[in-house]
N, C-alpha and C. Protein backbone atom coordinates (compact mmCIF):
# COMPACT_ATOMS: atom_id res chain seq x y z
N MET A 1 -12.66 7.96 -5.40
CA MET A 1 -11.42 8.00 -4.64
C MET A 1 -11.73 7.51 -3.23
N GLU A 2 -10.82 6.71 -2.68
CA GLU A 2 -10.99 6.19 -1.34
C GLU A 2 -9.67 6.22 -0.59
N VAL A 3 -9.76 6.19 0.73
CA VAL A 3 -8.57 6.12 1.57
C VAL A 3 -8.55 4.75 2.23
N LEU A 4 -7.49 4.01 1.97
CA LEU A 4 -7.29 2.70 2.59
C LEU A 4 -6.29 2.88 3.73
N VAL A 5 -6.55 2.21 4.85
CA VAL A 5 -5.69 2.35 6.03
C VAL A 5 -5.22 0.96 6.45
N PHE A 6 -3.91 0.84 6.68
CA PHE A 6 -3.30 -0.44 7.00
C PHE A 6 -2.42 -0.35 8.24
N LYS A 7 -2.39 -1.43 9.00
CA LYS A 7 -1.42 -1.64 10.08
C LYS A 7 -0.25 -2.36 9.43
N THR A 8 0.99 -1.89 9.69
CA THR A 8 2.16 -2.50 9.04
C THR A 8 3.28 -2.76 10.05
N SER A 9 4.29 -3.47 9.58
CA SER A 9 5.50 -3.67 10.39
C SER A 9 6.65 -2.77 9.92
N VAL A 10 6.35 -1.82 9.05
CA VAL A 10 7.35 -0.84 8.59
C VAL A 10 7.69 0.05 9.78
N GLN A 11 9.01 0.16 10.10
CA GLN A 11 9.39 0.84 11.34
C GLN A 11 10.33 2.02 11.17
N SER A 12 10.89 2.21 9.98
CA SER A 12 11.89 3.26 9.82
C SER A 12 11.78 3.91 8.44
N LYS A 13 12.46 5.04 8.30
CA LYS A 13 12.49 5.71 7.00
C LYS A 13 13.16 4.83 5.95
N ASN A 14 14.15 4.05 6.36
CA ASN A 14 14.80 3.13 5.42
C ASN A 14 13.81 2.08 4.93
N ASN A 15 12.96 1.58 5.84
CA ASN A 15 11.91 0.63 5.44
C ASN A 15 10.97 1.28 4.43
N VAL A 16 10.58 2.52 4.69
CA VAL A 16 9.68 3.24 3.79
C VAL A 16 10.32 3.35 2.40
N GLN A 17 11.59 3.68 2.36
CA GLN A 17 12.29 3.80 1.07
C GLN A 17 12.29 2.48 0.32
N SER A 18 12.35 1.37 1.05
CA SER A 18 12.41 0.06 0.39
C SER A 18 11.08 -0.34 -0.26
N VAL A 19 9.97 0.28 0.14
CA VAL A 19 8.68 -0.04 -0.46
C VAL A 19 8.12 1.09 -1.33
N SER A 20 8.77 2.24 -1.32
CA SER A 20 8.21 3.41 -2.00
C SER A 20 8.04 3.20 -3.51
N ALA A 21 9.01 2.62 -4.17
CA ALA A 21 8.90 2.43 -5.62
C ALA A 21 7.75 1.49 -5.97
N ALA A 22 7.58 0.45 -5.17
CA ALA A 22 6.49 -0.50 -5.43
C ALA A 22 5.13 0.14 -5.20
N LEU A 23 5.01 0.95 -4.17
CA LEU A 23 3.73 1.65 -3.92
C LEU A 23 3.46 2.66 -5.02
N ASP A 24 4.49 3.38 -5.44
CA ASP A 24 4.33 4.35 -6.53
C ASP A 24 3.90 3.68 -7.83
N ALA A 25 4.32 2.43 -8.03
CA ALA A 25 4.05 1.72 -9.27
C ALA A 25 2.64 1.13 -9.33
N LEU A 26 1.95 1.08 -8.21
CA LEU A 26 0.60 0.51 -8.21
C LEU A 26 -0.36 1.42 -8.98
N THR A 27 -0.96 0.90 -10.01
CA THR A 27 -1.92 1.65 -10.81
C THR A 27 -3.12 2.03 -9.94
N GLY A 28 -3.47 3.30 -9.98
CA GLY A 28 -4.61 3.78 -9.22
C GLY A 28 -4.26 4.45 -7.91
N VAL A 29 -3.02 4.25 -7.44
CA VAL A 29 -2.59 4.90 -6.20
C VAL A 29 -2.26 6.36 -6.51
N LEU A 30 -2.93 7.26 -5.83
CA LEU A 30 -2.72 8.69 -6.05
C LEU A 30 -1.67 9.25 -5.10
N LYS A 31 -1.72 8.82 -3.85
CA LYS A 31 -0.68 9.19 -2.88
C LYS A 31 -0.76 8.25 -1.70
N TRP A 32 0.31 8.22 -0.93
CA TRP A 32 0.37 7.36 0.23
C TRP A 32 1.32 7.97 1.25
N ASN A 33 1.15 7.57 2.52
CA ASN A 33 2.10 8.01 3.55
C ASN A 33 2.05 7.05 4.73
N PHE A 34 3.14 7.04 5.47
CA PHE A 34 3.24 6.24 6.68
C PHE A 34 3.21 7.16 7.89
N ASP A 35 2.60 6.70 8.96
CA ASP A 35 2.65 7.36 10.25
C ASP A 35 3.45 6.45 11.17
N LEU A 36 4.76 6.66 11.22
CA LEU A 36 5.63 5.80 12.02
C LEU A 36 5.59 6.15 13.50
N GLN A 37 4.92 7.25 13.84
CA GLN A 37 4.75 7.62 15.25
C GLN A 37 3.64 6.80 15.89
N ASP A 38 2.73 6.29 15.09
CA ASP A 38 1.63 5.47 15.58
C ASP A 38 2.16 4.08 15.93
N SER A 39 1.64 3.48 16.97
CA SER A 39 2.12 2.16 17.40
C SER A 39 1.87 1.08 16.35
N ASP A 40 0.91 1.31 15.45
CA ASP A 40 0.61 0.35 14.40
C ASP A 40 1.32 0.66 13.08
N ASN A 41 2.21 1.67 13.09
CA ASN A 41 2.95 2.03 11.87
C ASN A 41 2.01 2.11 10.66
N ILE A 42 1.08 3.02 10.76
CA ILE A 42 -0.04 3.13 9.81
C ILE A 42 0.42 3.56 8.42
N LEU A 43 -0.13 2.89 7.42
CA LEU A 43 0.02 3.28 6.02
C LEU A 43 -1.36 3.73 5.54
N ARG A 44 -1.42 4.94 5.00
CA ARG A 44 -2.65 5.46 4.38
C ARG A 44 -2.41 5.57 2.88
N VAL A 45 -3.35 5.04 2.12
CA VAL A 45 -3.24 5.06 0.66
C VAL A 45 -4.50 5.71 0.09
N VAL A 46 -4.31 6.77 -0.68
CA VAL A 46 -5.41 7.41 -1.40
C VAL A 46 -5.38 6.83 -2.81
N ALA A 47 -6.49 6.24 -3.22
CA ALA A 47 -6.46 5.50 -4.48
C ALA A 47 -7.82 5.50 -5.18
N ASP A 48 -7.76 5.23 -6.46
CA ASP A 48 -8.95 4.99 -7.27
C ASP A 48 -8.93 3.53 -7.69
N ASP A 49 -9.91 2.77 -7.22
CA ASP A 49 -10.09 1.38 -7.65
C ASP A 49 -8.85 0.50 -7.44
N VAL A 50 -8.33 0.52 -6.21
CA VAL A 50 -7.20 -0.34 -5.86
C VAL A 50 -7.66 -1.30 -4.78
N SER A 51 -7.41 -2.56 -4.99
CA SER A 51 -7.78 -3.58 -4.02
C SER A 51 -6.85 -3.49 -2.80
N PRO A 52 -7.41 -3.51 -1.60
CA PRO A 52 -6.56 -3.53 -0.41
C PRO A 52 -5.58 -4.70 -0.43
N ARG A 53 -6.01 -5.81 -1.00
CA ARG A 53 -5.14 -6.99 -1.07
C ARG A 53 -3.89 -6.70 -1.89
N LYS A 54 -4.00 -5.90 -2.94
CA LYS A 54 -2.81 -5.56 -3.75
C LYS A 54 -1.78 -4.82 -2.91
N VAL A 55 -2.24 -3.88 -2.10
CA VAL A 55 -1.33 -3.13 -1.23
C VAL A 55 -0.68 -4.08 -0.23
N GLU A 56 -1.48 -4.96 0.36
CA GLU A 56 -0.94 -5.93 1.32
C GLU A 56 0.12 -6.80 0.67
N LEU A 57 -0.14 -7.26 -0.54
CA LEU A 57 0.82 -8.11 -1.24
C LEU A 57 2.13 -7.39 -1.55
N VAL A 58 2.05 -6.12 -1.93
CA VAL A 58 3.26 -5.34 -2.21
C VAL A 58 4.14 -5.29 -0.97
N LEU A 59 3.56 -4.99 0.17
CA LEU A 59 4.35 -4.92 1.40
C LEU A 59 4.82 -6.30 1.84
N ASN A 60 3.97 -7.31 1.70
CA ASN A 60 4.37 -8.67 2.06
C ASN A 60 5.56 -9.13 1.21
N TYR A 61 5.51 -8.84 -0.08
CA TYR A 61 6.60 -9.21 -0.99
C TYR A 61 7.91 -8.55 -0.57
N ALA A 62 7.83 -7.35 -0.02
CA ALA A 62 9.02 -6.63 0.43
C ALA A 62 9.46 -7.08 1.83
N GLY A 63 8.71 -8.00 2.43
CA GLY A 63 9.11 -8.55 3.72
C GLY A 63 8.44 -7.93 4.93
N PHE A 64 7.35 -7.20 4.71
CA PHE A 64 6.67 -6.52 5.81
C PHE A 64 5.25 -7.05 5.99
N ALA A 65 4.81 -7.05 7.23
CA ALA A 65 3.42 -7.38 7.51
C ALA A 65 2.56 -6.19 7.13
N CYS A 66 1.36 -6.46 6.66
CA CYS A 66 0.43 -5.39 6.27
C CYS A 66 -0.98 -5.95 6.36
N GLU A 67 -1.83 -5.24 7.11
CA GLU A 67 -3.20 -5.70 7.31
C GLU A 67 -4.14 -4.50 7.25
N GLU A 68 -5.14 -4.58 6.39
CA GLU A 68 -6.11 -3.48 6.30
C GLU A 68 -6.87 -3.36 7.61
N LEU A 69 -7.06 -2.12 8.05
CA LEU A 69 -7.85 -1.86 9.25
C LEU A 69 -9.29 -1.58 8.84
N PRO A 70 -10.25 -2.06 9.63
CA PRO A 70 -11.66 -1.80 9.30
C PRO A 70 -11.98 -0.32 9.42
N ASP A 71 -13.02 0.10 8.71
CA ASP A 71 -13.45 1.51 8.75
C ASP A 71 -13.80 1.95 10.15
């Protein structure tokens, strides 16, 4: 199990709702959450064997920027 951390352009609860089904559908994702109080609108994903690129693509497809942050 690992925690992936991303900087995103998701800015509101409505934005979160628009990506929630896609994040829930990713195989291997155990849980996820956004910190919209952080200036980088952080997304944390707890997952087993999920490529960071897959998470980035899900958000990109929904119209949001998403970039993995280094450890």
